[in-house]
Amino acid sequence: MEATIRLDQPLSVSESVNWMPFGIAHDGPCNAAEYFAPTQEQGSAQGSSDSSSSTHFAAHFRGRRLKGTPQQLPEGYQGLLLKPCGGAKQGGSSSSSDTQQRSWQALHSFQQMTVWNHDLVPASSDWHMRCIDFLALADKVGAIKQTLAPAAALAATCSGM
C-alpha cells in the first residue's frame, strides 16, 4: 500500500490537540467547548503511578472522568492533523491492500498534545507516553546506525582482500 500526505497549503498551528483513551465515531462539526471543558490542576497527580508533581488536567466526557497531562513532541518532530482526501485503486479491480493508494491532506500542525486517561493521570510508563518517547529513541538508534555504516563498509572491504 502506498500513502501520500499532501502539504500544498500553509498549515495552521493547533493549540489544542487531545489524545483520547477512546474512539469517537462522529466526524462532523460540533461545539466541543460545550461538551469538553478541561480544568487545570496543580500539584501531585492523585492516582498516578508517577510521583511527579506537575500540571495536569481534569475533565469529563460522556460522564467519565478523565485526567490528562501535556506532552511535548521530541525536538525536530512536528505532529500533523490529517484528513483523508480520497485514494485511487491501481492495477485493475483487485481489492488487495497492496494495490490501494491512500491520500491525506495535512490541515494543522502541533508541537504539544494533551494525553488523556480514564480516572488516572497518564504515567510515563503508559503505552501512549512510551510511543512518544520511542520517537527520540529511534533517532538515537538511527544516528548510531549511520555512524557504524562506514565502519561496516570498511570492514567488508578489508575482509575481501
N, C-alpha and C. Protein backbone atom coordinates (compact mmCIF):
# COMPACT_ATOMS: atom_id res chain seq x y z
N MET A 1 0.83 -1.17 0.00
CA MET A 1 0.00 0.00 0.00
C MET A 1 0.88 1.24 0.00
N GLU A 2 0.50 2.20 -0.76
CA GLU A 2 1.23 3.44 -0.86
C GLU A 2 0.40 4.55 -0.23
N ALA A 3 1.05 5.45 0.48
CA ALA A 3 0.35 6.57 1.11
C ALA A 3 1.03 7.87 0.75
N THR A 4 0.22 8.90 0.54
CA THR A 4 0.72 10.22 0.21
C THR A 4 0.11 11.23 1.16
N ILE A 5 0.94 12.12 1.69
CA ILE A 5 0.45 13.21 2.53
C ILE A 5 0.68 14.50 1.77
N ARG A 6 -0.40 15.22 1.52
CA ARG A 6 -0.31 16.48 0.77
C ARG A 6 -0.04 17.63 1.73
N LEU A 7 0.99 18.41 1.44
CA LEU A 7 1.36 19.58 2.24
C LEU A 7 1.37 20.83 1.37
N ASP A 8 0.38 20.93 0.47
CA ASP A 8 0.40 22.02 -0.51
C ASP A 8 -0.22 23.32 -0.01
N GLN A 9 -0.74 23.36 1.21
CA GLN A 9 -1.30 24.57 1.77
C GLN A 9 -0.56 24.91 3.06
N PRO A 10 -0.47 26.20 3.40
CA PRO A 10 0.16 26.54 4.68
C PRO A 10 -0.65 25.94 5.83
N LEU A 11 0.05 25.38 6.81
CA LEU A 11 -0.62 24.73 7.93
C LEU A 11 -0.81 25.71 9.07
N SER A 12 -2.02 25.69 9.65
CA SER A 12 -2.23 26.48 10.86
C SER A 12 -1.76 25.65 12.05
N VAL A 13 -1.28 26.32 13.08
CA VAL A 13 -0.79 25.64 14.27
C VAL A 13 -1.95 25.44 15.23
N SER A 14 -2.19 24.21 15.62
CA SER A 14 -3.27 23.89 16.54
C SER A 14 -2.76 23.95 17.97
N GLU A 15 -3.45 24.66 18.82
CA GLU A 15 -3.06 24.80 20.22
C GLU A 15 -3.67 23.73 21.10
N SER A 16 -4.70 23.06 20.63
CA SER A 16 -5.42 22.12 21.48
C SER A 16 -5.59 20.77 20.78
N VAL A 17 -4.61 19.90 20.96
CA VAL A 17 -4.67 18.55 20.41
C VAL A 17 -4.78 17.59 21.59
N ASN A 18 -5.75 16.68 21.53
CA ASN A 18 -6.01 15.75 22.62
C ASN A 18 -5.94 14.32 22.13
N TRP A 19 -5.19 13.47 22.83
CA TRP A 19 -5.12 12.03 22.54
C TRP A 19 -6.03 11.37 23.56
N MET A 20 -7.20 10.97 23.10
CA MET A 20 -8.24 10.44 23.99
C MET A 20 -8.12 8.92 24.12
N PRO A 21 -8.54 8.38 25.28
CA PRO A 21 -8.44 6.93 25.50
C PRO A 21 -9.64 6.16 24.96
N PHE A 22 -10.31 6.70 23.97
CA PHE A 22 -11.49 6.06 23.38
C PHE A 22 -11.69 6.61 21.98
N GLY A 23 -12.56 5.95 21.23
CA GLY A 23 -12.87 6.41 19.88
C GLY A 23 -14.13 7.25 19.87
N ILE A 24 -14.22 8.18 18.94
CA ILE A 24 -15.41 9.00 18.75
C ILE A 24 -15.84 8.79 17.31
N ALA A 25 -17.03 8.27 17.12
CA ALA A 25 -17.49 7.93 15.77
C ALA A 25 -17.92 9.16 14.98
N HIS A 26 -18.28 10.24 15.63
CA HIS A 26 -18.74 11.45 14.95
C HIS A 26 -17.57 12.13 14.25
N ASP A 27 -17.76 12.53 12.99
CA ASP A 27 -16.67 13.19 12.28
C ASP A 27 -17.10 14.53 11.68
N GLY A 28 -18.22 15.06 12.15
CA GLY A 28 -18.69 16.35 11.65
C GLY A 28 -18.41 17.47 12.63
N PRO A 29 -18.89 18.65 12.30
CA PRO A 29 -18.66 19.78 13.19
C PRO A 29 -19.45 19.65 14.50
N CYS A 30 -18.90 20.23 15.55
CA CYS A 30 -19.59 20.25 16.84
C CYS A 30 -19.00 21.37 17.68
N ASN A 31 -19.71 21.75 18.72
CA ASN A 31 -19.22 22.75 19.65
C ASN A 31 -18.50 22.02 20.78
N ALA A 32 -17.25 21.65 20.55
CA ALA A 32 -16.50 20.83 21.50
C ALA A 32 -16.38 21.51 22.86
N ALA A 33 -16.23 22.83 22.89
CA ALA A 33 -16.07 23.54 24.16
C ALA A 33 -17.30 23.38 25.05
N GLU A 34 -18.45 23.15 24.46
CA GLU A 34 -19.67 22.96 25.25
C GLU A 34 -19.68 21.60 25.95
N TYR A 35 -19.07 20.60 25.34
CA TYR A 35 -19.11 19.24 25.88
C TYR A 35 -17.81 18.80 26.55
N PHE A 36 -16.73 19.49 26.28
CA PHE A 36 -15.43 19.08 26.82
C PHE A 36 -14.69 20.32 27.28
N ALA A 37 -14.66 20.54 28.59
CA ALA A 37 -14.05 21.74 29.17
C ALA A 37 -13.04 21.35 30.25
N PRO A 38 -11.80 21.05 29.88
CA PRO A 38 -10.78 20.67 30.87
C PRO A 38 -10.45 21.81 31.82
N THR A 39 -10.15 21.44 33.06
CA THR A 39 -9.68 22.40 34.05
C THR A 39 -8.27 22.01 34.45
N GLN A 40 -7.46 23.02 34.71
CA GLN A 40 -6.06 22.77 35.08
C GLN A 40 -5.98 22.50 36.57
N GLU A 41 -5.23 21.47 36.94
CA GLU A 41 -5.00 21.13 38.34
C GLU A 41 -3.50 21.17 38.59
N GLN A 42 -3.13 21.67 39.74
CA GLN A 42 -1.72 21.78 40.10
C GLN A 42 -1.44 20.82 41.24
N GLY A 43 -0.19 20.37 41.32
CA GLY A 43 0.21 19.55 42.46
C GLY A 43 0.36 18.10 42.11
N SER A 44 0.39 17.27 43.14
CA SER A 44 0.61 15.84 42.98
C SER A 44 -0.53 15.21 42.20
N ALA A 45 -0.20 14.36 41.26
CA ALA A 45 -1.20 13.69 40.43
C ALA A 45 -1.78 12.51 41.19
N GLN A 46 -2.96 12.70 41.77
CA GLN A 46 -3.59 11.62 42.52
C GLN A 46 -3.90 10.45 41.61
N GLY A 47 -3.60 9.27 42.09
CA GLY A 47 -3.93 8.07 41.33
C GLY A 47 -2.91 7.72 40.27
N SER A 48 -1.92 8.56 40.09
CA SER A 48 -0.90 8.27 39.09
C SER A 48 0.17 7.38 39.69
N SER A 49 0.75 6.54 38.86
CA SER A 49 1.85 5.71 39.34
C SER A 49 3.15 6.50 39.39
N ASP A 50 3.17 7.69 38.79
CA ASP A 50 4.34 8.56 38.87
C ASP A 50 4.19 9.47 40.08
N SER A 51 5.26 9.73 40.77
CA SER A 51 5.20 10.57 41.96
C SER A 51 5.53 12.03 41.63
N SER A 52 5.48 12.39 40.36
CA SER A 52 5.82 13.75 39.98
C SER A 52 4.70 14.71 40.38
N SER A 53 5.09 15.92 40.73
CA SER A 53 4.07 16.92 40.98
C SER A 53 4.19 17.95 39.87
N SER A 54 3.26 17.90 38.95
CA SER A 54 3.29 18.77 37.80
C SER A 54 1.86 19.15 37.44
N THR A 55 1.76 20.00 36.45
CA THR A 55 0.44 20.43 35.99
C THR A 55 -0.23 19.30 35.24
N HIS A 56 -1.49 19.10 35.54
CA HIS A 56 -2.28 18.14 34.79
C HIS A 56 -3.70 18.69 34.68
N PHE A 57 -4.52 18.02 33.90
CA PHE A 57 -5.87 18.50 33.61
C PHE A 57 -6.90 17.46 34.02
N ALA A 58 -8.10 17.93 34.30
CA ALA A 58 -9.22 17.05 34.61
C ALA A 58 -10.41 17.49 33.76
N ALA A 59 -11.20 16.53 33.33
CA ALA A 59 -12.39 16.82 32.52
C ALA A 59 -13.33 15.62 32.62
N HIS A 60 -14.52 15.81 32.11
CA HIS A 60 -15.49 14.72 32.00
C HIS A 60 -15.94 14.65 30.55
N PHE A 61 -16.10 13.45 30.04
CA PHE A 61 -16.63 13.25 28.70
C PHE A 61 -17.60 12.09 28.74
N ARG A 62 -18.84 12.36 28.36
CA ARG A 62 -19.92 11.36 28.42
C ARG A 62 -20.01 10.71 29.80
N GLY A 63 -19.83 11.52 30.83
CA GLY A 63 -19.97 11.03 32.20
C GLY A 63 -18.75 10.37 32.79
N ARG A 64 -17.70 10.19 32.01
CA ARG A 64 -16.48 9.56 32.51
C ARG A 64 -15.46 10.61 32.89
N ARG A 65 -14.84 10.43 34.05
CA ARG A 65 -13.79 11.36 34.49
C ARG A 65 -12.50 11.03 33.75
N LEU A 66 -11.86 12.07 33.24
CA LEU A 66 -10.60 11.94 32.52
C LEU A 66 -9.54 12.79 33.20
N LYS A 67 -8.31 12.31 33.16
CA LYS A 67 -7.17 13.07 33.65
C LYS A 67 -6.17 13.12 32.50
N GLY A 68 -5.56 14.28 32.32
CA GLY A 68 -4.64 14.45 31.21
C GLY A 68 -3.37 15.17 31.62
N THR A 69 -2.36 14.98 30.81
CA THR A 69 -1.09 15.65 31.03
C THR A 69 -0.53 16.12 29.69
N PRO A 70 0.05 17.33 29.65
CA PRO A 70 0.63 17.81 28.39
C PRO A 70 1.91 17.04 28.06
N GLN A 71 2.12 16.77 26.79
CA GLN A 71 3.29 16.03 26.33
C GLN A 71 3.86 16.73 25.11
N GLN A 72 5.12 17.15 25.21
CA GLN A 72 5.83 17.77 24.08
C GLN A 72 6.31 16.69 23.13
N LEU A 73 6.30 16.98 21.84
CA LEU A 73 6.93 16.09 20.88
C LEU A 73 8.44 16.28 20.97
N PRO A 74 9.21 15.25 20.65
CA PRO A 74 10.68 15.38 20.70
C PRO A 74 11.17 16.47 19.74
N GLU A 75 12.33 17.00 20.04
CA GLU A 75 12.97 18.02 19.21
C GLU A 75 13.10 17.52 17.78
N GLY A 76 12.73 18.37 16.82
CA GLY A 76 12.85 18.01 15.42
C GLY A 76 11.61 17.32 14.85
N TYR A 77 10.60 17.05 15.68
CA TYR A 77 9.38 16.41 15.22
C TYR A 77 8.24 17.41 15.19
N GLN A 78 7.30 17.18 14.28
CA GLN A 78 6.12 18.02 14.16
C GLN A 78 4.94 17.09 13.96
N GLY A 79 3.90 17.27 14.75
CA GLY A 79 2.69 16.47 14.59
C GLY A 79 1.80 17.08 13.52
N LEU A 80 1.07 16.25 12.81
CA LEU A 80 0.15 16.72 11.78
C LEU A 80 -1.24 16.15 12.02
N LEU A 81 -2.26 16.98 11.86
CA LEU A 81 -3.64 16.50 11.85
C LEU A 81 -4.01 16.31 10.39
N LEU A 82 -4.40 15.08 10.04
CA LEU A 82 -4.64 14.71 8.65
C LEU A 82 -6.11 14.43 8.40
N LYS A 83 -6.52 14.64 7.14
CA LYS A 83 -7.87 14.33 6.70
C LYS A 83 -7.75 13.51 5.42
N PRO A 84 -8.47 12.38 5.33
CA PRO A 84 -8.40 11.61 4.08
C PRO A 84 -8.93 12.46 2.92
N CYS A 85 -8.25 12.43 1.80
CA CYS A 85 -8.72 13.20 0.64
C CYS A 85 -8.82 12.30 -0.58
N GLY A 86 -9.30 11.09 -0.36
CA GLY A 86 -9.52 10.17 -1.46
C GLY A 86 -8.31 9.32 -1.73
N GLY A 87 -8.54 8.28 -2.46
CA GLY A 87 -7.47 7.37 -2.82
C GLY A 87 -7.91 6.61 -4.06
N ALA A 88 -6.98 6.31 -4.90
CA ALA A 88 -7.31 5.62 -6.14
C ALA A 88 -6.74 4.23 -6.11
N LYS A 89 -7.52 3.28 -6.58
CA LYS A 89 -7.01 1.91 -6.70
C LYS A 89 -6.18 1.83 -7.97
N GLN A 90 -5.11 1.10 -7.85
CA GLN A 90 -4.24 0.92 -9.00
C GLN A 90 -4.26 -0.54 -9.42
N GLY A 91 -4.12 -0.76 -10.68
CA GLY A 91 -3.96 -2.13 -11.17
C GLY A 91 -5.22 -2.95 -11.19
N GLY A 92 -6.27 -2.48 -11.85
CA GLY A 92 -7.45 -3.30 -12.03
C GLY A 92 -8.41 -3.26 -10.86
N SER A 93 -9.21 -4.34 -10.74
CA SER A 93 -10.29 -4.36 -9.75
C SER A 93 -9.91 -5.11 -8.49
N SER A 94 -8.66 -5.40 -8.30
CA SER A 94 -8.22 -6.12 -7.11
C SER A 94 -8.46 -5.28 -5.87
N SER A 95 -8.99 -5.90 -4.82
CA SER A 95 -9.25 -5.17 -3.59
C SER A 95 -8.12 -5.37 -2.59
N SER A 96 -7.01 -5.91 -3.04
CA SER A 96 -5.87 -6.13 -2.16
C SER A 96 -5.33 -4.80 -1.66
N SER A 97 -4.94 -4.77 -0.38
CA SER A 97 -4.42 -3.53 0.19
C SER A 97 -3.09 -3.14 -0.44
N ASP A 98 -2.42 -4.08 -1.12
CA ASP A 98 -1.15 -3.76 -1.78
C ASP A 98 -1.34 -2.87 -2.99
N THR A 99 -2.53 -2.88 -3.58
CA THR A 99 -2.76 -2.12 -4.80
C THR A 99 -3.50 -0.81 -4.53
N GLN A 100 -3.75 -0.49 -3.28
CA GLN A 100 -4.51 0.70 -2.97
C GLN A 100 -3.57 1.84 -2.56
N GLN A 101 -3.87 3.00 -3.07
CA GLN A 101 -3.10 4.18 -2.69
C GLN A 101 -4.00 5.08 -1.85
N ARG A 102 -3.48 5.53 -0.72
CA ARG A 102 -4.24 6.42 0.15
C ARG A 102 -3.61 7.80 0.09
N SER A 103 -4.47 8.79 0.18
CA SER A 103 -4.00 10.16 0.12
C SER A 103 -4.58 10.94 1.30
N TRP A 104 -3.76 11.74 1.94
CA TRP A 104 -4.15 12.51 3.11
C TRP A 104 -3.79 13.97 2.90
N GLN A 105 -4.61 14.86 3.42
CA GLN A 105 -4.33 16.29 3.39
C GLN A 105 -4.00 16.75 4.80
N ALA A 106 -2.86 17.39 4.98
CA ALA A 106 -2.48 17.94 6.29
C ALA A 106 -3.26 19.23 6.52
N LEU A 107 -3.94 19.33 7.67
CA LEU A 107 -4.74 20.51 7.99
C LEU A 107 -4.07 21.42 9.01
N HIS A 108 -3.51 20.83 10.05
CA HIS A 108 -2.90 21.59 11.15
C HIS A 108 -1.61 20.90 11.57
N SER A 109 -0.76 21.66 12.22
CA SER A 109 0.45 21.09 12.82
C SER A 109 0.42 21.37 14.31
N PHE A 110 1.21 20.60 15.07
CA PHE A 110 1.28 20.82 16.52
C PHE A 110 2.62 20.34 17.05
N GLN A 111 3.03 20.89 18.18
CA GLN A 111 4.25 20.51 18.87
C GLN A 111 3.97 19.87 20.23
N GLN A 112 2.74 20.04 20.72
CA GLN A 112 2.37 19.51 22.03
C GLN A 112 0.94 18.99 21.95
N MET A 113 0.66 17.98 22.74
CA MET A 113 -0.71 17.47 22.85
C MET A 113 -0.97 17.08 24.29
N THR A 114 -2.24 17.00 24.63
CA THR A 114 -2.62 16.53 25.96
C THR A 114 -3.01 15.07 25.84
N VAL A 115 -2.35 14.22 26.60
CA VAL A 115 -2.63 12.78 26.61
C VAL A 115 -3.58 12.53 27.78
N TRP A 116 -4.72 11.88 27.50
CA TRP A 116 -5.77 11.64 28.49
C TRP A 116 -5.86 10.17 28.85
N ASN A 117 -6.35 9.93 30.06
CA ASN A 117 -6.55 8.58 30.57
C ASN A 117 -7.82 8.58 31.41
N HIS A 118 -8.47 7.44 31.54
CA HIS A 118 -9.64 7.33 32.42
C HIS A 118 -9.19 7.37 33.87
N ASP A 119 -9.74 8.27 34.65
CA ASP A 119 -9.60 8.34 36.11
C ASP A 119 -8.19 8.66 36.62
N LEU A 120 -7.14 8.29 35.92
CA LEU A 120 -5.76 8.48 36.40
C LEU A 120 -4.97 9.35 35.43
N VAL A 121 -4.07 10.15 35.99
CA VAL A 121 -3.16 10.92 35.14
C VAL A 121 -2.25 9.92 34.41
N PRO A 122 -2.06 10.08 33.10
CA PRO A 122 -1.18 9.15 32.39
C PRO A 122 0.22 9.12 33.00
N ALA A 123 0.71 7.92 33.21
CA ALA A 123 2.05 7.73 33.77
C ALA A 123 3.06 7.63 32.63
N SER A 124 4.31 7.89 32.93
CA SER A 124 5.35 7.81 31.89
C SER A 124 5.50 6.39 31.36
N SER A 125 5.00 5.39 32.10
CA SER A 125 5.10 4.00 31.66
C SER A 125 3.90 3.56 30.82
N ASP A 126 2.88 4.42 30.66
CA ASP A 126 1.73 4.07 29.82
C ASP A 126 2.16 3.98 28.36
N TRP A 127 1.51 3.10 27.60
CA TRP A 127 1.94 2.82 26.23
C TRP A 127 1.91 4.07 25.36
N HIS A 128 0.91 4.94 25.52
CA HIS A 128 0.84 6.11 24.64
C HIS A 128 1.94 7.12 24.97
N MET A 129 2.38 7.18 26.21
CA MET A 129 3.50 8.05 26.56
C MET A 129 4.81 7.45 26.03
N ARG A 130 4.93 6.14 26.09
CA ARG A 130 6.13 5.47 25.59
C ARG A 130 6.23 5.58 24.07
N CYS A 131 5.09 5.64 23.36
CA CYS A 131 5.12 5.82 21.90
C CYS A 131 5.83 7.12 21.54
N ILE A 132 5.54 8.17 22.28
CA ILE A 132 6.17 9.46 22.01
C ILE A 132 7.66 9.38 22.35
N ASP A 133 7.99 8.74 23.46
CA ASP A 133 9.40 8.57 23.83
C ASP A 133 10.16 7.74 22.80
N PHE A 134 9.47 6.82 22.13
CA PHE A 134 10.11 5.97 21.13
C PHE A 134 10.67 6.79 19.97
N LEU A 135 10.01 7.91 19.64
CA LEU A 135 10.50 8.74 18.54
C LEU A 135 11.92 9.23 18.81
N ALA A 136 12.17 9.69 20.03
CA ALA A 136 13.52 10.15 20.39
C ALA A 136 14.51 8.98 20.37
N LEU A 137 14.08 7.82 20.85
CA LEU A 137 14.94 6.64 20.85
C LEU A 137 15.28 6.21 19.42
N ALA A 138 14.29 6.25 18.53
CA ALA A 138 14.52 5.86 17.14
C ALA A 138 15.57 6.76 16.48
N ASP A 139 15.53 8.05 16.81
CA ASP A 139 16.55 8.97 16.28
C ASP A 139 17.94 8.57 16.74
N LYS A 140 18.06 8.21 18.00
CA LYS A 140 19.38 7.83 18.55
C LYS A 140 19.89 6.55 17.90
N VAL A 141 19.00 5.58 17.70
CA VAL A 141 19.39 4.32 17.04
C VAL A 141 19.80 4.61 15.60
N GLY A 142 19.05 5.47 14.92
CA GLY A 142 19.39 5.84 13.55
C GLY A 142 20.75 6.51 13.46
N ALA A 143 21.06 7.36 14.44
CA ALA A 143 22.36 8.04 14.46
C ALA A 143 23.49 7.03 14.66
N ILE A 144 23.28 6.04 15.51
CA ILE A 144 24.30 5.00 15.73
C ILE A 144 24.50 4.20 14.45
N LYS A 145 23.39 3.87 13.78
CA LYS A 145 23.48 3.09 12.55
C LYS A 145 24.26 3.86 11.48
N GLN A 146 24.01 5.17 11.36
CA GLN A 146 24.74 5.97 10.38
C GLN A 146 26.23 6.05 10.73
N THR A 147 26.54 6.08 12.02
CA THR A 147 27.94 6.12 12.45
C THR A 147 28.63 4.80 12.14
N LEU A 148 27.91 3.68 12.33
CA LEU A 148 28.50 2.36 12.12
C LEU A 148 28.56 1.96 10.65
N ALA A 149 27.73 2.53 9.80
CA ALA A 149 27.66 2.12 8.39
C ALA A 149 29.01 2.27 7.68
N PRO A 150 29.71 3.39 7.78
CA PRO A 150 31.02 3.47 7.10
C PRO A 150 32.02 2.46 7.65
N ALA A 151 31.99 2.21 8.95
CA ALA A 151 32.91 1.23 9.54
C ALA A 151 32.60 -0.17 9.04
N ALA A 152 31.31 -0.50 8.91
CA ALA A 152 30.92 -1.82 8.41
C ALA A 152 31.33 -1.98 6.95
N ALA A 153 31.20 -0.92 6.16
CA ALA A 153 31.60 -0.98 4.75
C ALA A 153 33.11 -1.18 4.64
N LEU A 154 33.86 -0.50 5.49
CA LEU A 154 35.31 -0.64 5.51
C LEU A 154 35.71 -2.06 5.91
N ALA A 155 35.04 -2.61 6.92
CA ALA A 155 35.34 -3.97 7.38
C ALA A 155 35.04 -4.97 6.28
N ALA A 156 33.95 -4.77 5.54
CA ALA A 156 33.59 -5.69 4.45
C ALA A 156 34.64 -5.60 3.34
N THR A 157 35.13 -4.40 3.06
CA THR A 157 36.15 -4.23 2.03
C THR A 157 37.46 -4.89 2.45
N CYS A 158 37.84 -4.72 3.71
CA CYS A 158 39.09 -5.30 4.21
C CYS A 158 39.03 -6.82 4.25
N SER A 159 37.86 -7.37 4.58
CA SER A 159 37.76 -8.83 4.67
C SER A 159 37.79 -9.47 3.30
N GLY A 160 37.52 -8.70 2.24
CA GLY A 160 37.53 -9.24 0.89
C GLY A 160 38.93 -9.28 0.29
N MET A 161 39.93 -8.77 0.99
CA MET A 161 41.31 -8.73 0.47
C MET A 161 41.97 -10.06 0.54
